[in-house]
Amino acid sequence: MTTFLIDEDMPRSTAKELIKAGYEVSDVRDVGLRGQSSDKIFSYAQKHRAILLSADLGFANIVRFPHT
């Protein structure tokens, strides 16, 4: 099943809509990652094999945050 991790710069309604569509969803605000570094958030997403949804353009740097 596809799992998503919603970054804190996204509206909470993003998670609600994905859950309604049948996806497994976590929000950084609910898993203790609010205000944490991008590296920690990315690491959490990798560890949980989650697709990270964020409006933070820093995550677009594929050298720093490679797609796997």
PDB file of N, CA and C in Angstrom:
ATOM      1  N   MET A   1       0.843  -1.181   0.000  1.00  0.00           N
ATOM      2  CA  MET A   1       0.000   0.000   0.000  1.00  0.00           C
ATOM      3  C   MET A   1       0.893   1.251   0.000  1.00  0.00           C
ATOM      4  N   THR A   2       0.466   2.253  -0.714  1.00  0.00           N
ATOM      5  CA  THR A   2       1.195   3.513  -0.766  1.00  0.00           C
ATOM      6  C   THR A   2       0.971   4.292   0.525  1.00  0.00           C
ATOM      7  N   THR A   3       2.065   4.781   1.083  1.00  0.00           N
ATOM      8  CA  THR A   3       2.026   5.565   2.310  1.00  0.00           C
ATOM      9  C   THR A   3       2.560   6.962   2.023  1.00  0.00           C
ATOM     10  N   PHE A   4       1.922   7.959   2.596  1.00  0.00           N
ATOM     11  CA  PHE A   4       2.346   9.343   2.422  1.00  0.00           C
ATOM     12  C   PHE A   4       2.751   9.954   3.754  1.00  0.00           C
ATOM     13  N   LEU A   5       3.728  10.860   3.701  1.00  0.00           N
ATOM     14  CA  LEU A   5       4.094  11.685   4.843  1.00  0.00           C
ATOM     15  C   LEU A   5       3.852  13.129   4.421  1.00  0.00           C
ATOM     16  N   ILE A   6       3.000  13.829   5.175  1.00  0.00           N
ATOM     17  CA  ILE A   6       2.632  15.201   4.854  1.00  0.00           C
ATOM     18  C   ILE A   6       3.506  16.144   5.664  1.00  0.00           C
ATOM     19  N   ASP A   7       4.193  17.051   4.976  1.00  0.00           N
ATOM     20  CA  ASP A   7       5.056  18.038   5.639  1.00  0.00           C
ATOM     21  C   ASP A   7       4.188  19.112   6.292  1.00  0.00           C
ATOM     22  N   GLU A   8       4.761  19.806   7.272  1.00  0.00           N
ATOM     23  CA  GLU A   8       3.984  20.798   8.025  1.00  0.00           C
ATOM     24  C   GLU A   8       3.597  22.030   7.206  1.00  0.00           C
ATOM     25  N   ASP A   9       4.184  22.212   6.034  1.00  0.00           N
ATOM     26  CA  ASP A   9       3.806  23.357   5.207  1.00  0.00           C
ATOM     27  C   ASP A   9       2.610  23.055   4.296  1.00  0.00           C
ATOM     28  N   MET A  10       2.069  21.864   4.439  1.00  0.00           N
ATOM     29  CA  MET A  10       0.888  21.467   3.678  1.00  0.00           C
ATOM     30  C   MET A  10      -0.338  21.562   4.583  1.00  0.00           C
ATOM     31  N   PRO A  11      -1.500  21.851   4.010  1.00  0.00           N
ATOM     32  CA  PRO A  11      -2.712  21.890   4.843  1.00  0.00           C
ATOM     33  C   PRO A  11      -3.075  20.507   5.382  1.00  0.00           C
ATOM     34  N   ARG A  12      -3.633  20.502   6.563  1.00  0.00           N
ATOM     35  CA  ARG A  12      -4.055  19.228   7.163  1.00  0.00           C
ATOM     36  C   ARG A  12      -5.106  18.522   6.313  1.00  0.00           C
ATOM     37  N   SER A  13      -5.838  19.273   5.532  1.00  0.00           N
ATOM     38  CA  SER A  13      -6.864  18.667   4.674  1.00  0.00           C
ATOM     39  C   SER A  13      -6.245  17.722   3.640  1.00  0.00           C
ATOM     40  N   THR A  14      -4.966  17.890   3.333  1.00  0.00           N
ATOM     41  CA  THR A  14      -4.286  16.990   2.398  1.00  0.00           C
ATOM     42  C   THR A  14      -4.354  15.557   2.917  1.00  0.00           C
ATOM     43  N   ALA A  15      -4.021  15.390   4.186  1.00  0.00           N
ATOM     44  CA  ALA A  15      -4.060  14.055   4.788  1.00  0.00           C
ATOM     45  C   ALA A  15      -5.476  13.515   4.811  1.00  0.00           C
ATOM     46  N   LYS A  16      -6.432  14.353   5.177  1.00  0.00           N
ATOM     47  CA  LYS A  16      -7.824  13.910   5.254  1.00  0.00           C
ATOM     48  C   LYS A  16      -8.316  13.375   3.913  1.00  0.00           C
ATOM     49  N   GLU A  17      -7.979  14.076   2.842  1.00  0.00           N
ATOM     50  CA  GLU A  17      -8.421  13.645   1.502  1.00  0.00           C
ATOM     51  C   GLU A  17      -7.742  12.344   1.087  1.00  0.00           C
ATOM     52  N   LEU A  18      -6.467  12.215   1.390  1.00  0.00           N
ATOM     53  CA  LEU A  18      -5.764  10.981   1.036  1.00  0.00           C
ATOM     54  C   LEU A  18      -6.298   9.786   1.830  1.00  0.00           C
ATOM     55  N   ILE A  19      -6.612  10.012   3.085  1.00  0.00           N
ATOM     56  CA  ILE A  19      -7.188   8.940   3.909  1.00  0.00           C
ATOM     57  C   ILE A  19      -8.541   8.525   3.346  1.00  0.00           C
ATOM     58  N   LYS A  20      -9.349   9.505   2.942  1.00  0.00           N
ATOM     59  CA  LYS A  20     -10.654   9.184   2.337  1.00  0.00           C
ATOM     60  C   LYS A  20     -10.498   8.351   1.074  1.00  0.00           C
ATOM     61  N   ALA A  21      -9.379   8.578   0.357  1.00  0.00           N
ATOM     62  CA  ALA A  21      -9.117   7.839  -0.874  1.00  0.00           C
ATOM     63  C   ALA A  21      -8.508   6.460  -0.597  1.00  0.00           C
ATOM     64  N   GLY A  22      -8.287   6.152   0.679  1.00  0.00           N
ATOM     65  CA  GLY A  22      -7.820   4.821   1.028  1.00  0.00           C
ATOM     66  C   GLY A  22      -6.323   4.683   1.269  1.00  0.00           C
ATOM     67  N   TYR A  23      -5.598   5.780   1.330  1.00  0.00           N
ATOM     68  CA  TYR A  23      -4.153   5.720   1.547  1.00  0.00           C
ATOM     69  C   TYR A  23      -3.808   5.781   3.030  1.00  0.00           C
ATOM     70  N   GLU A  24      -2.647   5.263   3.353  1.00  0.00           N
ATOM     71  CA  GLU A  24      -2.097   5.380   4.692  1.00  0.00           C
ATOM     72  C   GLU A  24      -1.334   6.706   4.737  1.00  0.00           C
ATOM     73  N   VAL A  25      -1.588   7.523   5.747  1.00  0.00           N
ATOM     74  CA  VAL A  25      -1.030   8.871   5.793  1.00  0.00           C
ATOM     75  C   VAL A  25      -0.549   9.203   7.201  1.00  0.00           C
ATOM     76  N   SER A  26       0.632   9.824   7.267  1.00  0.00           N
ATOM     77  CA  SER A  26       1.145  10.399   8.506  1.00  0.00           C
ATOM     78  C   SER A  26       1.427  11.869   8.246  1.00  0.00           C
ATOM     79  N   ASP A  27       1.381  12.659   9.302  1.00  0.00           N
ATOM     80  CA  ASP A  27       1.660  14.091   9.212  1.00  0.00           C
ATOM     81  C   ASP A  27       2.815  14.386  10.150  1.00  0.00           C
ATOM     82  N   VAL A  28       3.808  15.136   9.696  1.00  0.00           N
ATOM     83  CA  VAL A  28       4.972  15.413  10.540  1.00  0.00           C
ATOM     84  C   VAL A  28       4.563  16.049  11.865  1.00  0.00           C
ATOM     85  N   ARG A  29       3.456  16.782  11.870  1.00  0.00           N
ATOM     86  CA  ARG A  29       2.975  17.425  13.102  1.00  0.00           C
ATOM     87  C   ARG A  29       2.464  16.412  14.111  1.00  0.00           C
ATOM     88  N   ASP A  30       2.125  15.216  13.640  1.00  0.00           N
ATOM     89  CA  ASP A  30       1.562  14.194  14.517  1.00  0.00           C
ATOM     90  C   ASP A  30       2.561  13.113  14.910  1.00  0.00           C
ATOM     91  N   VAL A  31       3.747  13.128  14.317  1.00  0.00           N
ATOM     92  CA  VAL A  31       4.740  12.088  14.618  1.00  0.00           C
ATOM     93  C   VAL A  31       5.994  12.673  15.263  1.00  0.00           C
ATOM     94  N   GLY A  32       5.874  13.880  15.824  1.00  0.00           N
ATOM     95  CA  GLY A  32       6.985  14.487  16.557  1.00  0.00           C
ATOM     96  C   GLY A  32       8.043  15.157  15.708  1.00  0.00           C
ATOM     97  N   LEU A  33       7.706  15.485  14.468  1.00  0.00           N
ATOM     98  CA  LEU A  33       8.697  16.100  13.586  1.00  0.00           C
ATOM     99  C   LEU A  33       8.434  17.576  13.292  1.00  0.00           C
ATOM    100  N   ARG A  34       7.459  18.179  13.937  1.00  0.00           N
ATOM    101  CA  ARG A  34       7.177  19.610  13.722  1.00  0.00           C
ATOM    102  C   ARG A  34       8.434  20.420  14.060  1.00  0.00           C
ATOM    103  N   GLY A  35       8.840  21.273  13.114  1.00  0.00           N
ATOM    104  CA  GLY A  35       9.992  22.138  13.327  1.00  0.00           C
ATOM    105  C   GLY A  35      11.341  21.453  13.181  1.00  0.00           C
ATOM    106  N   GLN A  36      11.346  20.164  12.836  1.00  0.00           N
ATOM    107  CA  GLN A  36      12.610  19.438  12.680  1.00  0.00           C
ATOM    108  C   GLN A  36      13.248  19.756  11.328  1.00  0.00           C
ATOM    109  N   SER A  37      14.499  19.399  11.198  1.00  0.00           N
ATOM    110  CA  SER A  37      15.236  19.673   9.963  1.00  0.00           C
ATOM    111  C   SER A  37      14.689  18.846   8.801  1.00  0.00           C
ATOM    112  N   SER A  38      14.942  19.341   7.626  1.00  0.00           N
ATOM    113  CA  SER A  38      14.540  18.608   6.419  1.00  0.00           C
ATOM    114  C   SER A  38      15.195  17.234   6.382  1.00  0.00           C
ATOM    115  N   ASP A  39      16.437  17.149   6.852  1.00  0.00           N
ATOM    116  CA  ASP A  39      17.137  15.859   6.867  1.00  0.00           C
ATOM    117  C   ASP A  39      16.408  14.842   7.740  1.00  0.00           C
ATOM    118  N   LYS A  40      15.940  15.274   8.911  1.00  0.00           N
ATOM    119  CA  LYS A  40      15.224  14.351   9.800  1.00  0.00           C
ATOM    120  C   LYS A  40      13.894  13.919   9.189  1.00  0.00           C
ATOM    121  N   ILE A  41      13.203  14.863   8.563  1.00  0.00           N
ATOM    122  CA  ILE A  41      11.924  14.541   7.930  1.00  0.00           C
ATOM    123  C   ILE A  41      12.136  13.567   6.775  1.00  0.00           C
ATOM    124  N   PHE A  42      13.149  13.820   5.963  1.00  0.00           N
ATOM    125  CA  PHE A  42      13.456  12.943   4.834  1.00  0.00           C
ATOM    126  C   PHE A  42      13.834  11.545   5.336  1.00  0.00           C
ATOM    127  N   SER A  43      14.638  11.498   6.392  1.00  0.00           N
ATOM    128  CA  SER A  43      15.059  10.221   6.959  1.00  0.00           C
ATOM    129  C   SER A  43      13.857   9.422   7.462  1.00  0.00           C
ATOM    130  N   TYR A  44      12.924  10.098   8.103  1.00  0.00           N
ATOM    131  CA  TYR A  44      11.705   9.443   8.585  1.00  0.00           C
ATOM    132  C   TYR A  44      10.910   8.875   7.403  1.00  0.00           C
ATOM    133  N   ALA A  45      10.776   9.678   6.367  1.00  0.00           N
ATOM    134  CA  ALA A  45      10.040   9.216   5.181  1.00  0.00           C
ATOM    135  C   ALA A  45      10.716   7.987   4.564  1.00  0.00           C
ATOM    136  N   GLN A  46      12.032   8.014   4.475  1.00  0.00           N
ATOM    137  CA  GLN A  46      12.763   6.877   3.915  1.00  0.00           C
ATOM    138  C   GLN A  46      12.567   5.634   4.787  1.00  0.00           C
ATOM    139  N   LYS A  47      12.715   5.804   6.097  1.00  0.00           N
ATOM    140  CA  LYS A  47      12.602   4.681   7.024  1.00  0.00           C
ATOM    141  C   LYS A  47      11.228   4.023   6.945  1.00  0.00           C
ATOM    142  N   HIS A  48      10.198   4.845   6.740  1.00  0.00           N
ATOM    143  CA  HIS A  48       8.828   4.338   6.696  1.00  0.00           C
ATOM    144  C   HIS A  48       8.320   4.102   5.266  1.00  0.00           C
ATOM    145  N   ARG A  49       9.238   4.225   4.314  1.00  0.00           N
ATOM    146  CA  ARG A  49       8.923   4.002   2.898  1.00  0.00           C
ATOM    147  C   ARG A  49       7.699   4.811   2.470  1.00  0.00           C
ATOM    148  N   ALA A  50       7.709   6.092   2.887  1.00  0.00           N
ATOM    149  CA  ALA A  50       6.589   6.988   2.612  1.00  0.00           C
ATOM    150  C   ALA A  50       6.957   7.999   1.533  1.00  0.00           C
ATOM    151  N   ILE A  51       5.982   8.365   0.751  1.00  0.00           N
ATOM    152  CA  ILE A  51       6.137   9.440  -0.226  1.00  0.00           C
ATOM    153  C   ILE A  51       5.931  10.747   0.526  1.00  0.00           C
ATOM    154  N   LEU A  52       6.915  11.626   0.459  1.00  0.00           N
ATOM    155  CA  LEU A  52       6.863  12.896   1.163  1.00  0.00           C
ATOM    156  C   LEU A  52       6.158  13.942   0.298  1.00  0.00           C
ATOM    157  N   LEU A  53       5.098  14.521   0.846  1.00  0.00           N
ATOM    158  CA  LEU A  53       4.399  15.614   0.164  1.00  0.00           C
ATOM    159  C   LEU A  53       4.741  16.904   0.877  1.00  0.00           C
ATOM    160  N   SER A  54       5.378  17.827   0.146  1.00  0.00           N
ATOM    161  CA  SER A  54       5.843  19.070   0.748  1.00  0.00           C
ATOM    162  C   SER A  54       5.821  20.181  -0.285  1.00  0.00           C
ATOM    163  N   ALA A  55       5.635  21.398   0.198  1.00  0.00           N
ATOM    164  CA  ALA A  55       5.749  22.570  -0.669  1.00  0.00           C
ATOM    165  C   ALA A  55       7.127  23.206  -0.518  1.00  0.00           C
ATOM    166  N   ASP A  56       7.998  22.574   0.252  1.00  0.00           N
ATOM    167  CA  ASP A  56       9.356  23.065   0.497  1.00  0.00           C
ATOM    168  C   ASP A  56      10.222  22.745  -0.718  1.00  0.00           C
ATOM    169  N   LEU A  57      10.636  23.774  -1.427  1.00  0.00           N
ATOM    170  CA  LEU A  57      11.432  23.565  -2.642  1.00  0.00           C
ATOM    171  C   LEU A  57      12.799  22.951  -2.358  1.00  0.00           C
ATOM    172  N   GLY A  58      13.248  23.012  -1.112  1.00  0.00           N
ATOM    173  CA  GLY A  58      14.516  22.387  -0.759  1.00  0.00           C
ATOM    174  C   GLY A  58      14.525  20.892  -1.025  1.00  0.00           C
ATOM    175  N   PHE A  59      13.381  20.254  -0.911  1.00  0.00           N
ATOM    176  CA  PHE A  59      13.298  18.816  -1.174  1.00  0.00           C
ATOM    177  C   PHE A  59      13.459  18.492  -2.657  1.00  0.00           C
ATOM    178  N   ALA A  60      13.420  19.487  -3.508  1.00  0.00           N
ATOM    179  CA  ALA A  60      13.606  19.259  -4.944  1.00  0.00           C
ATOM    180  C   ALA A  60      15.078  19.036  -5.298  1.00  0.00           C
ATOM    181  N   ASN A  61      15.971  19.284  -4.354  1.00  0.00           N
ATOM    182  CA  ASN A  61      17.402  19.089  -4.583  1.00  0.00           C
ATOM    183  C   ASN A  61      17.700  17.591  -4.519  1.00  0.00           C
ATOM    184  N   ILE A  62      17.775  16.950  -5.695  1.00  0.00           N
ATOM    185  CA  ILE A  62      17.940  15.494  -5.728  1.00  0.00           C
ATOM    186  C   ILE A  62      19.341  15.040  -5.345  1.00  0.00           C
ATOM    187  N   VAL A  63      20.295  15.954  -5.275  1.00  0.00           N
ATOM    188  CA  VAL A  63      21.610  15.593  -4.790  1.00  0.00           C
ATOM    189  C   VAL A  63      21.556  15.402  -3.270  1.00  0.00           C
ATOM    190  N   ARG A  64      20.870  16.324  -2.601  1.00  0.00           N
ATOM    191  CA  ARG A  64      20.732  16.259  -1.147  1.00  0.00           C
ATOM    192  C   ARG A  64      19.676  15.239  -0.715  1.00  0.00           C
ATOM    193  N   PHE A  65      18.593  15.153  -1.486  1.00  0.00           N
ATOM    194  CA  PHE A  65      17.477  14.256  -1.179  1.00  0.00           C
ATOM    195  C   PHE A  65      17.205  13.372  -2.390  1.00  0.00           C
ATOM    196  N   PRO A  66      18.034  12.338  -2.589  1.00  0.00           N
ATOM    197  CA  PRO A  66      17.873  11.498  -3.781  1.00  0.00           C
ATOM    198  C   PRO A  66      16.583  10.682  -3.767  1.00  0.00           C
ATOM    199  N   HIS A  67      16.011  10.519  -4.927  1.00  0.00           N
ATOM    200  CA  HIS A  67      14.813   9.681  -5.065  1.00  0.00           C
ATOM    201  C   HIS A  67      15.257   8.232  -5.035  1.00  0.00           C
ATOM    202  N   THR A  68      14.559   7.430  -4.259  1.00  0.00           N
ATOM    203  CA  THR A  68      14.941   6.005  -4.202  1.00  0.00           C
ATOM    204  C   THR A  68      13.746   5.146  -4.478  1.00  0.00           C
TER     205      THR A  68
END
